[in-house]
Protein backbone atom coordinates (compact mmCIF):
# COMPACT_ATOMS: atom_id res chain seq x y z
CA MET A 1 53.67 35.06 15.64
CA GLY A 2 50.44 34.09 17.21
CA GLN A 3 50.02 31.00 15.06
CA ARG A 4 47.52 28.30 16.00
CA TYR A 5 46.64 24.86 14.74
CA GLN A 6 44.20 24.99 11.84
CA HIS A 7 41.95 22.32 10.32
CA GLY A 8 41.10 24.37 7.23
CA SER A 9 37.74 24.71 5.54
CA ILE A 10 36.88 22.67 2.44
CA SER A 11 34.96 24.46 -0.30
CA GLU A 12 33.95 23.84 -3.89
CA ALA A 13 34.83 26.28 -6.66
CA PHE A 14 35.48 26.03 -10.40
CA GLY A 15 34.71 22.30 -10.52
CA ALA A 16 37.25 21.44 -7.82
CA PHE A 17 37.60 21.20 -4.05
CA HIS A 18 39.82 23.63 -2.20
CA VAL A 19 40.91 24.02 1.40
CA ARG A 20 40.91 27.53 2.88
CA TYR A 21 43.22 28.54 5.71
CA ARG A 22 44.86 31.67 7.14
CA VAL A 23 48.47 32.76 7.38
CA GLU A 24 50.21 35.77 8.88
CA THR A 25 52.12 37.97 6.48
CA ILE A 26 53.69 41.42 6.51
CA VAL A 27 51.56 44.03 4.72
CA ASP A 28 52.80 47.65 4.85
CA GLY A 29 55.07 46.83 7.79
CA GLN A 30 52.26 45.28 9.84
CA VAL A 31 51.42 41.64 10.48
CA LYS A 32 48.07 40.77 8.92
CA ARG A 33 46.17 37.48 8.89
CA VAL A 34 45.14 36.72 5.33
CA GLN A 35 43.11 33.90 3.84
CA ARG A 36 44.70 31.50 1.38
CA SER A 37 43.25 28.64 -0.66
CA HIS A 38 44.83 25.44 -1.98
CA ARG A 39 43.31 23.28 -4.73
CA LEU A 40 42.87 19.68 -3.52
CA CYS A 41 41.30 17.80 -6.47
CA ALA A 42 38.70 17.98 -9.21
CA LYS A 43 35.08 17.18 -8.40
CA ASP A 44 34.38 13.87 -10.16
CA LYS A 45 32.97 10.37 -9.54
CA GLU A 46 35.80 9.50 -7.14
CA HIS A 47 35.44 12.82 -5.32
CA PRO A 48 31.71 13.60 -5.41
CA SER A 49 31.46 15.90 -2.36
CA ALA A 50 33.50 17.95 0.07
CA SER A 51 32.61 15.51 2.84
CA CYS A 52 33.89 12.36 1.09
CA LYS A 53 36.77 10.63 2.85
CA VAL A 54 39.37 11.13 0.09
CA VAL A 55 38.77 14.90 -0.06
CA ARG A 56 38.94 15.19 3.75
CA LEU A 57 42.22 13.21 3.80
CA LEU A 58 43.73 15.41 1.08
CA ALA A 59 42.75 18.48 3.10
CA ALA A 60 44.19 16.99 6.31
CA ASP A 61 47.48 16.12 4.59
CA PHE A 62 47.84 19.61 3.16
CA MET A 63 46.92 21.30 6.46
CA ALA A 64 49.52 19.18 8.26
CA THR A 65 52.19 20.85 6.11
CA VAL A 66 50.70 24.30 6.78
CA ASN A 67 50.62 23.66 10.52
CA LYS A 68 54.15 22.25 10.56
CA VAL A 69 55.52 25.39 8.94
CA THR A 70 53.52 27.88 10.99
CA LEU A 71 53.76 26.16 14.37
CA ASN A 72 57.22 24.60 14.47
CA GLN A 73 59.49 26.86 12.49
CA PRO A 74 60.62 30.39 13.21
CA GLU A 75 59.27 33.25 11.15
CA GLN A 76 61.23 33.67 7.95
CA THR A 77 59.99 37.21 7.44
CA ASP A 78 60.89 40.11 9.66
CA THR A 79 58.10 41.71 11.62
CA THR A 80 57.71 45.11 13.20
CA ILE A 81 58.39 45.34 16.91
CA ALA A 82 54.88 46.74 17.37
CA ALA A 83 53.31 43.75 15.59
CA PHE A 84 55.46 41.36 17.65
CA TRP A 85 54.26 43.08 20.84
CA GLU A 86 50.60 42.94 19.81
CA HIS A 87 50.44 39.45 18.31
CA THR A 88 53.09 37.55 20.24
CA TYR A 89 54.52 39.18 23.38
CA TRP A 90 51.34 40.70 24.86
CA PRO A 91 49.35 37.43 24.50
CA PHE A 92 52.35 35.56 25.97
CA ILE A 93 52.53 37.69 29.13
CA THR A 94 48.77 37.84 29.64
CA ASP A 95 48.40 34.05 29.18
CA ASN A 96 51.18 33.22 31.64
CA ASN A 97 49.30 34.13 34.81
CA LEU A 98 51.05 37.40 35.54
CA LYS A 99 49.18 39.60 37.94
CA PRO A 100 46.79 42.00 36.19
CA SER A 101 48.65 44.92 37.76
CA THR A 102 51.94 43.70 36.23
CA CYS A 103 50.35 43.37 32.80
CA GLU A 104 48.85 46.85 33.06
CA GLY A 105 52.23 48.24 34.10
CA TYR A 106 53.79 46.64 31.02
CA ARG A 107 51.02 48.02 28.81
CA GLN A 108 51.54 51.52 30.23
CA VAL A 109 55.32 51.40 29.65
CA TRP A 110 54.71 50.07 26.13
CA ASN A 111 52.14 52.72 25.18
CA GLN A 112 53.86 55.66 26.83
CA HIS A 113 57.51 55.00 25.96
CA LEU A 114 58.31 52.01 23.76
CA LYS A 115 55.58 52.11 21.10
CA PRO A 116 56.43 55.67 20.01
CA HIS A 117 60.16 54.86 20.12
CA PHE A 118 59.95 51.67 18.05
CA GLY A 119 57.51 53.10 15.49
CA ASN A 120 57.66 50.91 12.35
CA MET A 121 61.10 49.43 13.08
CA THR A 122 61.43 45.69 12.63
CA LEU A 123 62.95 43.26 15.12
CA ARG A 124 65.97 42.62 12.91
CA GLU A 125 66.83 46.24 12.15
CA TYR A 126 66.91 47.43 15.79
CA ARG A 127 70.43 48.02 17.16
CA THR A 128 72.01 48.46 20.61
CA PRO A 129 73.16 52.08 20.03
CA THR A 130 69.57 53.07 19.21
CA GLY A 131 68.49 51.74 22.61
CA SER A 132 71.35 53.46 24.43
CA ILE A 133 70.54 56.83 22.87
CA PHE A 134 66.86 56.35 23.74
CA LEU A 135 67.54 55.36 27.37
CA THR A 136 70.01 58.20 27.80
CA SER A 137 67.38 60.69 26.62
CA LEU A 138 64.81 59.18 29.01
CA SER A 139 67.23 59.33 31.95
CA LYS A 140 67.36 63.12 31.63
CA LYS A 141 63.63 63.52 32.24
CA LEU A 142 62.41 60.42 34.11
CA ALA A 143 63.17 58.75 37.43
CA ARG A 144 65.81 56.01 37.44
CA ARG A 145 63.26 53.32 38.33
CA THR A 146 61.01 54.31 35.39
CA VAL A 147 63.96 54.13 33.01
CA GLN A 148 64.80 50.69 34.45
CA HIS A 149 61.21 49.52 33.79
CA VAL A 150 61.48 50.70 30.18
CA LYS A 151 64.79 48.86 29.76
CA ASN A 152 63.47 45.67 31.37
CA LEU A 153 60.35 45.52 29.20
CA ALA A 154 62.27 46.24 25.98
CA SER A 155 64.82 43.57 26.87
CA GLY A 156 62.02 41.10 27.70
CA ILE A 157 60.37 41.66 24.31
CA PHE A 158 63.62 41.03 22.43
CA THR A 159 64.57 38.06 24.64
CA HIS A 160 61.23 36.45 23.77
CA ALA A 161 61.88 37.12 20.07
CA VAL A 162 65.29 35.39 20.41
CA ASN A 163 63.69 32.42 22.16
CA LEU A 164 61.16 32.05 19.33
CA GLY A 165 63.86 32.26 16.66
CA ALA A 166 62.64 35.56 15.20
CA ILE A 167 66.08 37.18 15.77
CA GLU A 168 69.55 35.88 16.62
CA SER A 169 70.44 38.11 19.59
CA ASN A 170 68.91 40.63 21.96
CA PRO A 171 70.08 44.16 21.06
CA TRP A 172 68.97 45.38 24.49
CA HIS A 173 71.39 43.07 26.30
CA ASP A 174 74.12 45.73 26.27
CA VAL A 175 71.97 48.88 26.27
CA LYS A 176 73.15 51.37 28.89
CA VAL A 177 72.53 54.98 29.80
CA GLN A 178 75.53 56.95 28.56
CA GLY A 179 76.99 59.60 30.81
CA THR A 180 78.15 60.12 34.36
CA GLY A 181 76.84 57.47 36.72
CA GLY A 182 74.29 56.18 34.22
CA ASP A 183 76.08 52.95 33.37
CA GLU A 184 76.20 51.74 36.96
CA ALA A 185 72.69 52.88 37.74
CA LEU A 186 71.01 50.83 35.02
CA HIS A 187 73.42 48.00 34.38
CA THR A 188 71.72 44.67 35.02
C-alpha cells in the first residue's frame, strides 16, 4: 500500500515512554491508516525524559522493524481493488510523470466503468471469468476502443499488484470478450 518511512513519535504515558506510529489495515473492506503505540521503557533515573539518548535509540530500533515490515514486504492482508487503486495505483501513475491528460483518462475509465464493477471485491478474490463477462457486457454498448481502454487499465492495476507481491497472478491477463469476433478484436 502507500507505505512510507516513519520515525515515530515518542510520548510519555502511565509512567513509561511509548513510540506512536501508523499502519494500514483493512477495516470494513477498506484500507485505513490507524495509529498504534509500542511501550519502550519505564520512566526512571536511567530514562528521565523522552529526549534522552537511550529512549531515542529504543524508539529508532523499534521503528526500524516497523519500517522493514511495511516497506520491504508484500501485504499479508488482502485489500479491496478500490483501496488498491486509491492508495497505491493512482499515486503510482500520477507520480511517474504521465501526462495529465493520460491520468485524467485513467481516472475517467476508473470512475465510469471499473469502480462500479469492482465494488468491494478484493484483489485476491477477482477471477478471469468475472472480467470476461464484464467486458462482454461492455462490448455490446460501447465502442471497441473504449472497451480496450477499460481492459488495459484493469490489467495495469492487477499487473502492478502482482509486481508488488499483493497477488500471485493477473486475472486480466486472459480476459477476452466472448462472442463472434470479440476475441480477436480485444486480444492483446
